[in-house]
Amino acid sequence: MRPWSIGRRDRTTKPRRLGLTHVIDTGVPIEHIRGLLDVVADYADIWKFGFGTSYLDPTAVKKIGVLSDAGILACVGGTLLEAAWLESNEHECLAWAKDMGFPCVEVSNGASGMSTAEKRELIEVAAADFVVLSEVGSKDPADPVVASAWAQEMAADLVAGTTWTIAEGRESGTVGLYRPDGSLRWDLVEAIAEEVGIDRVIFEAPRTSQQTALIRKYGSNVSLGNIAPHDILGLESLRRGLRAGTLAAHADPKRAP
């Protein structure tokens, strides 16, 4: 037990609906996850099995159990469901995810050409059995980014049954929300915040600079996604003002720089 406190006092605690840390797993061994969760279980909320790894990982069921015991939602990545949709197997994919024990699925259309109407139909089906995350934005860096269209699509996804909607940034942090150099498209961020509200949006932010910028703008309880497992504790330090990028956020006015 810590005999004193430091940092931001407004940080939400689990189970959270605000200030989520959404982790991307691209193939982490289960033994590593068990050890990591001894340190970071209190700071992670959603654990996405990226791409098609949930289908390929032979330890997926064990991982789901370990994550559940830690109070973390295991989530099927949206690319797998898009791949199933392309083969007209989306319902089989959802049935498989339910049998596996996944409590959460992501519904996206950034790689497959699925229409927004088809996406919303899939959200409605999935919401009967899962916590649904929907993702908005293309994975193709050449596709135009129209702020109003993103915001409107997010709002419609929430009406269809999504619990949280994700703003695409990919695991590279160079697409969608971000320019090729990794800098934020603030017009897009602000349009989303105005139309949807911060409490229902997860901003993908794999880079420390992106996490820092969004925390400075919206505070410690902005929800952030595509966080690498080894970055969870560092992100929590940023949220609490215990890292250089956000250090002054909770300072005594007499000592603030």
C-alpha atoms as a PDB file:
ATOM      1  CA  MET A   1       0.000   0.000   0.000  1.00  0.00           C
ATOM      2  CA  ARG A   2       1.235   3.480  -0.864  1.00  0.00           C
ATOM      3  CA  PRO A   3       1.270   5.790   2.203  1.00  0.00           C
ATOM      4  CA  TRP A   4       0.971   8.923   0.045  1.00  0.00           C
ATOM      5  CA  SER A   5      -0.593   9.961  -3.253  1.00  0.00           C
ATOM      6  CA  ILE A   6       0.748  11.765  -6.280  1.00  0.00           C
ATOM      7  CA  GLY A   7      -0.402  12.727  -9.743  1.00  0.00           C
ATOM      8  CA  ARG A   8      -3.838  13.292 -11.220  1.00  0.00           C
ATOM      9  CA  ARG A   9      -6.603  12.453  -8.716  1.00  0.00           C
ATOM     10  CA  ASP A  10      -9.364  12.399 -11.346  1.00  0.00           C
ATOM     11  CA  ARG A  11      -8.216   9.211 -13.094  1.00  0.00           C
ATOM     12  CA  THR A  12     -11.050   6.702 -13.442  1.00  0.00           C
ATOM     13  CA  THR A  13     -10.756   3.203 -11.979  1.00  0.00           C
ATOM     14  CA  LYS A  14     -11.964  -0.171 -13.220  1.00  0.00           C
ATOM     15  CA  PRO A  15     -14.480  -1.099 -14.396  1.00  0.00           C
ATOM     16  CA  ARG A  16     -14.232   1.974 -16.625  1.00  0.00           C
ATOM     17  CA  ARG A  17     -16.473   3.350 -19.314  1.00  0.00           C
ATOM     18  CA  LEU A  18     -14.330   6.470 -19.690  1.00  0.00           C
ATOM     19  CA  GLY A  19     -10.561   6.692 -20.000  1.00  0.00           C
ATOM     20  CA  LEU A  20     -10.149   3.242 -21.545  1.00  0.00           C
ATOM     21  CA  THR A  21      -6.807   1.776 -22.474  1.00  0.00           C
ATOM     22  CA  HIS A  22      -7.357  -0.451 -25.503  1.00  0.00           C
ATOM     23  CA  VAL A  23      -4.412  -2.785 -26.133  1.00  0.00           C
ATOM     24  CA  ILE A  24      -3.402  -4.451 -29.402  1.00  0.00           C
ATOM     25  CA  ASP A  25      -1.957  -7.977 -29.201  1.00  0.00           C
ATOM     26  CA  THR A  26      -0.179  -9.057 -32.372  1.00  0.00           C
ATOM     27  CA  GLY A  27       0.888 -12.439 -31.018  1.00  0.00           C
ATOM     28  CA  VAL A  28       2.108 -12.070 -27.429  1.00  0.00           C
ATOM     29  CA  PRO A  29       2.836 -15.437 -25.743  1.00  0.00           C
ATOM     30  CA  ILE A  30       0.417 -16.272 -22.944  1.00  0.00           C
ATOM     31  CA  GLU A  31       3.250 -16.657 -20.426  1.00  0.00           C
ATOM     32  CA  HIS A  32       4.290 -13.086 -21.143  1.00  0.00           C
ATOM     33  CA  ILE A  33       0.717 -11.861 -20.724  1.00  0.00           C
ATOM     34  CA  ARG A  34       0.397 -13.545 -17.328  1.00  0.00           C
ATOM     35  CA  GLY A  35       3.568 -11.844 -16.098  1.00  0.00           C
ATOM     36  CA  LEU A  36       2.637  -8.491 -17.619  1.00  0.00           C
ATOM     37  CA  LEU A  37      -0.806  -8.494 -16.027  1.00  0.00           C
ATOM     38  CA  ASP A  38       0.783  -8.825 -12.594  1.00  0.00           C
ATOM     39  CA  VAL A  39       1.974  -5.267 -13.254  1.00  0.00           C
ATOM     40  CA  VAL A  40      -0.638  -3.621 -15.511  1.00  0.00           C
ATOM     41  CA  ALA A  41      -4.007  -5.355 -14.967  1.00  0.00           C
ATOM     42  CA  ASP A  42      -5.460  -2.267 -13.263  1.00  0.00           C
ATOM     43  CA  TYR A  43      -4.580  -0.080 -16.236  1.00  0.00           C
ATOM     44  CA  ALA A  44      -5.855  -2.095 -19.248  1.00  0.00           C
ATOM     45  CA  ASP A  45      -9.515  -2.397 -20.224  1.00  0.00           C
ATOM     46  CA  ILE A  46      -9.836  -3.948 -23.696  1.00  0.00           C
ATOM     47  CA  TRP A  47      -7.386  -6.421 -25.249  1.00  0.00           C
ATOM     48  CA  LYS A  48      -7.746  -6.668 -29.020  1.00  0.00           C
ATOM     49  CA  PHE A  49      -6.398  -9.717 -30.814  1.00  0.00           C
ATOM     50  CA  GLY A  50      -5.083  -7.788 -33.805  1.00  0.00           C
ATOM     51  CA  PHE A  51      -5.736  -8.723 -37.436  1.00  0.00           C
ATOM     52  CA  GLY A  52      -6.541 -12.446 -37.688  1.00  0.00           C
ATOM     53  CA  THR A  53      -4.492 -13.550 -34.685  1.00  0.00           C
ATOM     54  CA  SER A  54      -7.537 -14.665 -32.679  1.00  0.00           C
ATOM     55  CA  TYR A  55      -8.177 -17.312 -35.347  1.00  0.00           C
ATOM     56  CA  LEU A  56      -4.538 -18.434 -35.566  1.00  0.00           C
ATOM     57  CA  ASP A  57      -3.431 -18.312 -31.916  1.00  0.00           C
ATOM     58  CA  PRO A  58      -3.717 -21.822 -30.387  1.00  0.00           C
ATOM     59  CA  THR A  59      -3.725 -20.303 -26.893  1.00  0.00           C
ATOM     60  CA  ALA A  60      -6.585 -17.862 -27.606  1.00  0.00           C
ATOM     61  CA  VAL A  61      -9.090 -19.553 -25.269  1.00  0.00           C
ATOM     62  CA  LYS A  62      -6.556 -19.584 -22.427  1.00  0.00           C
ATOM     63  CA  LYS A  63      -5.758 -15.927 -23.091  1.00  0.00           C
ATOM     64  CA  ILE A  64      -9.442 -15.013 -22.934  1.00  0.00           C
ATOM     65  CA  GLY A  65      -9.680 -16.669 -19.514  1.00  0.00           C
ATOM     66  CA  VAL A  66      -6.559 -14.949 -18.177  1.00  0.00           C
ATOM     67  CA  LEU A  67      -7.805 -11.578 -19.399  1.00  0.00           C
ATOM     68  CA  SER A  68     -11.273 -12.144 -17.958  1.00  0.00           C
ATOM     69  CA  ASP A  69      -9.770 -12.947 -14.558  1.00  0.00           C
ATOM     70  CA  ALA A  70      -7.961  -9.583 -14.766  1.00  0.00           C
ATOM     71  CA  GLY A  71     -11.157  -7.695 -15.633  1.00  0.00           C
ATOM     72  CA  ILE A  72     -10.110  -7.074 -19.236  1.00  0.00           C
ATOM     73  CA  LEU A  73     -12.384  -7.548 -22.263  1.00  0.00           C
ATOM     74  CA  ALA A  74     -10.856  -9.795 -24.941  1.00  0.00           C
ATOM     75  CA  CYS A  75     -11.846  -8.531 -28.383  1.00  0.00           C
ATOM     76  CA  VAL A  76     -11.785 -10.052 -31.867  1.00  0.00           C
ATOM     77  CA  GLY A  77     -10.047  -7.649 -34.252  1.00  0.00           C
ATOM     78  CA  GLY A  78     -12.153  -6.120 -36.992  1.00  0.00           C
ATOM     79  CA  THR A  79      -9.978  -7.344 -39.859  1.00  0.00           C
ATOM     80  CA  LEU A  80     -10.910 -10.961 -39.130  1.00  0.00           C
ATOM     81  CA  LEU A  81     -14.612 -10.149 -39.341  1.00  0.00           C
ATOM     82  CA  GLU A  82     -14.022  -8.213 -42.556  1.00  0.00           C
ATOM     83  CA  ALA A  83     -12.206 -11.226 -44.039  1.00  0.00           C
ATOM     84  CA  ALA A  84     -15.137 -13.434 -43.037  1.00  0.00           C
ATOM     85  CA  TRP A  85     -17.581 -10.938 -44.581  1.00  0.00           C
ATOM     86  CA  LEU A  86     -15.677 -11.044 -47.892  1.00  0.00           C
ATOM     87  CA  GLU A  87     -16.272 -14.830 -47.937  1.00  0.00           C
ATOM     88  CA  SER A  88     -19.924 -14.449 -46.789  1.00  0.00           C
ATOM     89  CA  ASN A  89     -19.015 -16.120 -43.492  1.00  0.00           C
ATOM     90  CA  GLU A  90     -19.592 -13.227 -41.071  1.00  0.00           C
ATOM     91  CA  HIS A  91     -22.325 -15.071 -39.153  1.00  0.00           C
ATOM     92  CA  GLU A  92     -20.128 -18.143 -38.817  1.00  0.00           C
ATOM     93  CA  CYS A  93     -17.322 -15.909 -37.552  1.00  0.00           C
ATOM     94  CA  LEU A  94     -19.562 -14.410 -34.874  1.00  0.00           C
ATOM     95  CA  ALA A  95     -20.787 -17.863 -33.819  1.00  0.00           C
ATOM     96  CA  TRP A  96     -17.173 -19.046 -33.559  1.00  0.00           C
ATOM     97  CA  ALA A  97     -16.225 -15.987 -31.464  1.00  0.00           C
ATOM     98  CA  LYS A  98     -19.114 -16.709 -29.101  1.00  0.00           C
ATOM     99  CA  ASP A  99     -18.067 -20.357 -28.747  1.00  0.00           C
ATOM    100  CA  MET A 100     -14.484 -19.256 -28.044  1.00  0.00           C
ATOM    101  CA  GLY A 101     -15.730 -17.084 -25.198  1.00  0.00           C
ATOM    102  CA  PHE A 102     -14.901 -13.646 -26.599  1.00  0.00           C
ATOM    103  CA  PRO A 103     -17.044 -11.006 -24.859  1.00  0.00           C
ATOM    104  CA  CYS A 104     -16.212  -8.309 -27.405  1.00  0.00           C
ATOM    105  CA  VAL A 105     -15.918  -7.930 -31.182  1.00  0.00           C
ATOM    106  CA  GLU A 106     -14.804  -5.096 -33.400  1.00  0.00           C
ATOM    107  CA  VAL A 107     -16.817  -4.285 -36.521  1.00  0.00           C
ATOM    108  CA  SER A 108     -14.919  -2.318 -39.156  1.00  0.00           C
ATOM    109  CA  ASN A 109     -15.019  -1.660 -42.889  1.00  0.00           C
ATOM    110  CA  GLY A 110     -11.648  -0.016 -43.481  1.00  0.00           C
ATOM    111  CA  ALA A 111     -10.116  -2.774 -45.613  1.00  0.00           C
ATOM    112  CA  SER A 112     -12.901  -4.744 -47.281  1.00  0.00           C
ATOM    113  CA  GLY A 113     -15.131  -2.293 -49.111  1.00  0.00           C
ATOM    114  CA  MET A 114     -18.099  -3.073 -46.870  1.00  0.00           C
ATOM    115  CA  SER A 115     -20.669  -0.280 -47.127  1.00  0.00           C
ATOM    116  CA  THR A 116     -21.677   1.723 -44.079  1.00  0.00           C
ATOM    117  CA  ALA A 117     -25.196   0.272 -44.318  1.00  0.00           C
ATOM    118  CA  GLU A 118     -23.827  -3.286 -44.330  1.00  0.00           C
ATOM    119  CA  LYS A 119     -21.571  -2.413 -41.444  1.00  0.00           C
ATOM    120  CA  ARG A 120     -24.480  -1.171 -39.351  1.00  0.00           C
ATOM    121  CA  GLU A 121     -26.456  -4.327 -40.082  1.00  0.00           C
ATOM    122  CA  LEU A 122     -23.491  -6.358 -38.817  1.00  0.00           C
ATOM    123  CA  ILE A 123     -23.261  -4.169 -35.700  1.00  0.00           C
ATOM    124  CA  GLU A 124     -26.923  -4.822 -34.951  1.00  0.00           C
ATOM    125  CA  VAL A 125     -26.419  -8.597 -35.290  1.00  0.00           C
ATOM    126  CA  ALA A 126     -23.240  -8.633 -33.200  1.00  0.00           C
ATOM    127  CA  ALA A 127     -24.719  -6.456 -30.444  1.00  0.00           C
ATOM    128  CA  ALA A 128     -27.124  -9.269 -29.520  1.00  0.00           C
ATOM    129  CA  ASP A 129     -24.221 -11.338 -28.134  1.00  0.00           C
ATOM    130  CA  PHE A 130     -21.205  -9.060 -27.700  1.00  0.00           C
ATOM    131  CA  VAL A 131     -19.914  -5.730 -26.527  1.00  0.00           C
ATOM    132  CA  VAL A 132     -19.347  -4.132 -29.928  1.00  0.00           C
ATOM    133  CA  LEU A 133     -16.619  -1.716 -30.899  1.00  0.00           C
ATOM    134  CA  SER A 134     -16.967  -0.132 -34.321  1.00  0.00           C
ATOM    135  CA  GLU A 135     -14.058   1.378 -36.181  1.00  0.00           C
ATOM    136  CA  VAL A 136     -14.321   4.298 -38.575  1.00  0.00           C
ATOM    137  CA  GLY A 137     -11.718   5.177 -41.180  1.00  0.00           C
ATOM    138  CA  SER A 138      -9.877   3.524 -44.037  1.00  0.00           C
ATOM    139  CA  LYS A 139      -6.612   1.640 -43.692  1.00  0.00           C
ATOM    140  CA  ASP A 140      -5.533   2.981 -47.082  1.00  0.00           C
ATOM    141  CA  PRO A 141      -3.448   6.150 -46.647  1.00  0.00           C
ATOM    142  CA  ALA A 142      -4.511   7.307 -50.118  1.00  0.00           C
ATOM    143  CA  ASP A 143      -8.196   7.478 -49.198  1.00  0.00           C
ATOM    144  CA  PRO A 144      -9.493  10.988 -48.438  1.00  0.00           C
ATOM    145  CA  VAL A 145     -10.226  11.890 -44.819  1.00  0.00           C
ATOM    146  CA  VAL A 146     -13.447  13.886 -44.477  1.00  0.00           C
ATOM    147  CA  ALA A 147     -14.024  14.970 -40.885  1.00  0.00           C
ATOM    148  CA  SER A 148     -17.798  15.406 -41.139  1.00  0.00           C
ATOM    149  CA  ALA A 149     -18.224  11.970 -42.743  1.00  0.00           C
ATOM    150  CA  TRP A 150     -16.215  10.259 -39.973  1.00  0.00           C
ATOM    151  CA  ALA A 151     -18.219  12.006 -37.260  1.00  0.00           C
ATOM    152  CA  GLN A 152     -21.560  11.156 -38.850  1.00  0.00           C
ATOM    153  CA  GLU A 153     -20.580   7.508 -39.358  1.00  0.00           C
ATOM    154  CA  MET A 154     -19.531   7.214 -35.718  1.00  0.00           C
ATOM    155  CA  ALA A 155     -22.813   8.686 -34.510  1.00  0.00           C
ATOM    156  CA  ALA A 156     -24.795   6.274 -36.699  1.00  0.00           C
ATOM    157  CA  ASP A 157     -22.738   3.287 -35.459  1.00  0.00           C
ATOM    158  CA  LEU A 158     -23.612   4.182 -31.880  1.00  0.00           C
ATOM    159  CA  VAL A 159     -27.307   4.245 -32.761  1.00  0.00           C
ATOM    160  CA  ALA A 160     -26.907   0.798 -34.374  1.00  0.00           C
ATOM    161  CA  GLY A 161     -25.616  -0.717 -31.130  1.00  0.00           C
ATOM    162  CA  THR A 162     -21.929   0.047 -30.775  1.00  0.00           C
ATOM    163  CA  THR A 163     -20.755   0.603 -27.195  1.00  0.00           C
ATOM    164  CA  TRP A 164     -17.613   2.525 -28.199  1.00  0.00           C
ATOM    165  CA  THR A 165     -16.492   3.724 -31.600  1.00  0.00           C
ATOM    166  CA  ILE A 166     -12.836   3.743 -32.645  1.00  0.00           C
ATOM    167  CA  ALA A 167     -11.096   6.399 -34.732  1.00  0.00           C
ATOM    168  CA  GLU A 168      -8.663   4.656 -37.101  1.00  0.00           C
ATOM    169  CA  GLY A 169      -4.958   5.322 -36.745  1.00  0.00           C
ATOM    170  CA  ARG A 170      -3.582   1.820 -37.399  1.00  0.00           C
ATOM    171  CA  GLU A 171      -0.775   0.300 -35.350  1.00  0.00           C
ATOM    172  CA  SER A 172       1.673   2.590 -37.173  1.00  0.00           C
ATOM    173  CA  GLY A 173      -0.027   5.879 -36.235  1.00  0.00           C
ATOM    174  CA  THR A 174       0.351   7.221 -39.785  1.00  0.00           C
ATOM    175  CA  VAL A 175      -3.145   6.793 -41.274  1.00  0.00           C
ATOM    176  CA  GLY A 176      -6.620   8.206 -40.676  1.00  0.00           C
ATOM    177  CA  LEU A 177      -6.360  10.343 -37.554  1.00  0.00           C
ATOM    178  CA  TYR A 178      -2.751  11.057 -38.459  1.00  0.00           C
ATOM    179  CA  ARG A 179      -0.761  12.503 -41.285  1.00  0.00           C
ATOM    180  CA  PRO A 180       2.095  10.399 -42.692  1.00  0.00           C
ATOM    181  CA  ASP A 181       4.518  12.014 -40.231  1.00  0.00           C
ATOM    182  CA  GLY A 182       2.355  10.920 -37.278  1.00  0.00           C
ATOM    183  CA  SER A 183       0.950  14.359 -36.469  1.00  0.00           C
ATOM    184  CA  LEU A 184      -2.732  14.620 -35.535  1.00  0.00           C
ATOM    185  CA  ARG A 185      -5.405  15.892 -37.869  1.00  0.00           C
ATOM    186  CA  TRP A 186      -6.928  18.194 -35.253  1.00  0.00           C
ATOM    187  CA  ASP A 187      -9.843  19.201 -37.475  1.00  0.00           C
ATOM    188  CA  LEU A 188     -10.877  15.538 -37.532  1.00  0.00           C
ATOM    189  CA  VAL A 189     -10.405  15.063 -33.786  1.00  0.00           C
ATOM    190  CA  GLU A 190     -12.457  18.165 -32.988  1.00  0.00           C
ATOM    191  CA  ALA A 191     -15.251  17.213 -35.406  1.00  0.00           C
ATOM    192  CA  ILE A 192     -15.522  13.814 -33.710  1.00  0.00           C
ATOM    193  CA  ALA A 193     -15.521  15.365 -30.242  1.00  0.00           C
ATOM    194  CA  GLU A 194     -18.266  17.826 -31.212  1.00  0.00           C
ATOM    195  CA  GLU A 195     -20.516  15.285 -32.976  1.00  0.00           C
ATOM    196  CA  VAL A 196     -20.042  12.199 -30.790  1.00  0.00           C
ATOM    197  CA  GLY A 197     -18.510  13.309 -27.505  1.00  0.00           C
ATOM    198  CA  ILE A 198     -15.302  12.072 -25.951  1.00  0.00           C
ATOM    199  CA  ASP A 199     -16.957   9.514 -23.666  1.00  0.00           C
ATOM    200  CA  ARG A 200     -17.908   7.142 -26.538  1.00  0.00           C
ATOM    201  CA  VAL A 201     -14.758   7.405 -28.685  1.00  0.00           C
ATOM    202  CA  ILE A 202     -11.477   5.507 -28.549  1.00  0.00           C
ATOM    203  CA  PHE A 203      -8.708   7.329 -30.416  1.00  0.00           C
ATOM    204  CA  GLU A 204      -6.069   4.955 -31.753  1.00  0.00           C
ATOM    205  CA  ALA A 205      -2.784   6.424 -30.559  1.00  0.00           C
ATOM    206  CA  PRO A 206       0.142   4.005 -30.729  1.00  0.00           C
ATOM    207  CA  ARG A 207       2.864   6.650 -30.382  1.00  0.00           C
ATOM    208  CA  THR A 208       3.809   8.386 -27.147  1.00  0.00           C
ATOM    209  CA  SER A 209       3.664  11.801 -28.848  1.00  0.00           C
ATOM    210  CA  GLN A 210       0.081  11.113 -29.974  1.00  0.00           C
ATOM    211  CA  GLN A 211      -0.978   9.910 -26.527  1.00  0.00           C
ATOM    212  CA  THR A 212       0.573  12.996 -24.947  1.00  0.00           C
ATOM    213  CA  ALA A 213      -1.168  15.400 -27.346  1.00  0.00           C
ATOM    214  CA  LEU A 214      -4.612  13.856 -26.773  1.00  0.00           C
ATOM    215  CA  ILE A 215      -4.195  13.756 -22.984  1.00  0.00           C
ATOM    216  CA  ARG A 216      -3.124  17.396 -22.952  1.00  0.00           C
ATOM    217  CA  LYS A 217      -6.188  18.304 -25.014  1.00  0.00           C
ATOM    218  CA  TYR A 218      -8.859  16.178 -23.321  1.00  0.00           C
ATOM    219  CA  GLY A 219      -7.412  15.155 -19.967  1.00  0.00           C
ATOM    220  CA  SER A 220      -6.361  11.916 -18.322  1.00  0.00           C
ATOM    221  CA  ASN A 221      -9.626  10.127 -19.128  1.00  0.00           C
ATOM    222  CA  VAL A 222      -9.556  10.263 -22.910  1.00  0.00           C
ATOM    223  CA  SER A 223      -9.850   6.706 -24.260  1.00  0.00           C
ATOM    224  CA  LEU A 224      -6.829   5.588 -26.292  1.00  0.00           C
ATOM    225  CA  GLY A 225      -6.336   2.528 -28.481  1.00  0.00           C
ATOM    226  CA  ASN A 226      -3.805   0.357 -30.282  1.00  0.00           C
ATOM    227  CA  ILE A 227      -1.527   0.537 -27.262  1.00  0.00           C
ATOM    228  CA  ALA A 228       1.305  -2.000 -27.347  1.00  0.00           C
ATOM    229  CA  PRO A 229       1.348  -4.277 -24.285  1.00  0.00           C
ATOM    230  CA  HIS A 230       4.773  -3.018 -23.225  1.00  0.00           C
ATOM    231  CA  ASP A 231       3.503   0.600 -23.340  1.00  0.00           C
ATOM    232  CA  ILE A 232       0.564   0.205 -20.922  1.00  0.00           C
ATOM    233  CA  LEU A 233       2.417   1.375 -17.813  1.00  0.00           C
ATOM    234  CA  GLY A 234       4.035   4.256 -19.659  1.00  0.00           C
ATOM    235  CA  LEU A 235       0.629   5.441 -20.893  1.00  0.00           C
ATOM    236  CA  GLU A 236      -0.805   5.259 -17.385  1.00  0.00           C
ATOM    237  CA  SER A 237       2.109   7.407 -16.217  1.00  0.00           C
ATOM    238  CA  LEU A 238       1.184   9.977 -18.873  1.00  0.00           C
ATOM    239  CA  ARG A 239      -2.464   9.902 -17.814  1.00  0.00           C
ATOM    240  CA  ARG A 240      -1.557  10.588 -14.199  1.00  0.00           C
ATOM    241  CA  GLY A 241       0.939  13.367 -14.915  1.00  0.00           C
ATOM    242  CA  LEU A 242       3.865  11.191 -13.875  1.00  0.00           C
ATOM    243  CA  ARG A 243       5.834  11.560 -17.096  1.00  0.00           C
ATOM    244  CA  ALA A 244       7.509  14.596 -18.580  1.00  0.00           C
ATOM    245  CA  GLY A 245       4.921  15.206 -21.312  1.00  0.00           C
ATOM    246  CA  THR A 246       2.077  15.765 -18.799  1.00  0.00           C
ATOM    247  CA  LEU A 247       4.000  16.524 -15.613  1.00  0.00           C
ATOM    248  CA  ALA A 248       2.661  20.026 -15.026  1.00  0.00           C
ATOM    249  CA  ALA A 249      -0.998  19.008 -15.309  1.00  0.00           C
ATOM    250  CA  HIS A 250      -1.437  18.546 -11.545  1.00  0.00           C
ATOM    251  CA  ALA A 251       1.257  20.871 -10.201  1.00  0.00           C
ATOM    252  CA  ASP A 252       0.832  23.191  -7.243  1.00  0.00           C
ATOM    253  CA  PRO A 253       0.288  26.624  -8.852  1.00  0.00           C
ATOM    254  CA  LYS A 254       3.263  27.977  -6.866  1.00  0.00           C
ATOM    255  CA  ARG A 255       5.549  25.454  -8.556  1.00  0.00           C
ATOM    256  CA  ALA A 256       4.052  25.056 -12.020  1.00  0.00           C
ATOM    257  CA  PRO A 257       6.517  26.159 -14.699  1.00  0.00           C
END
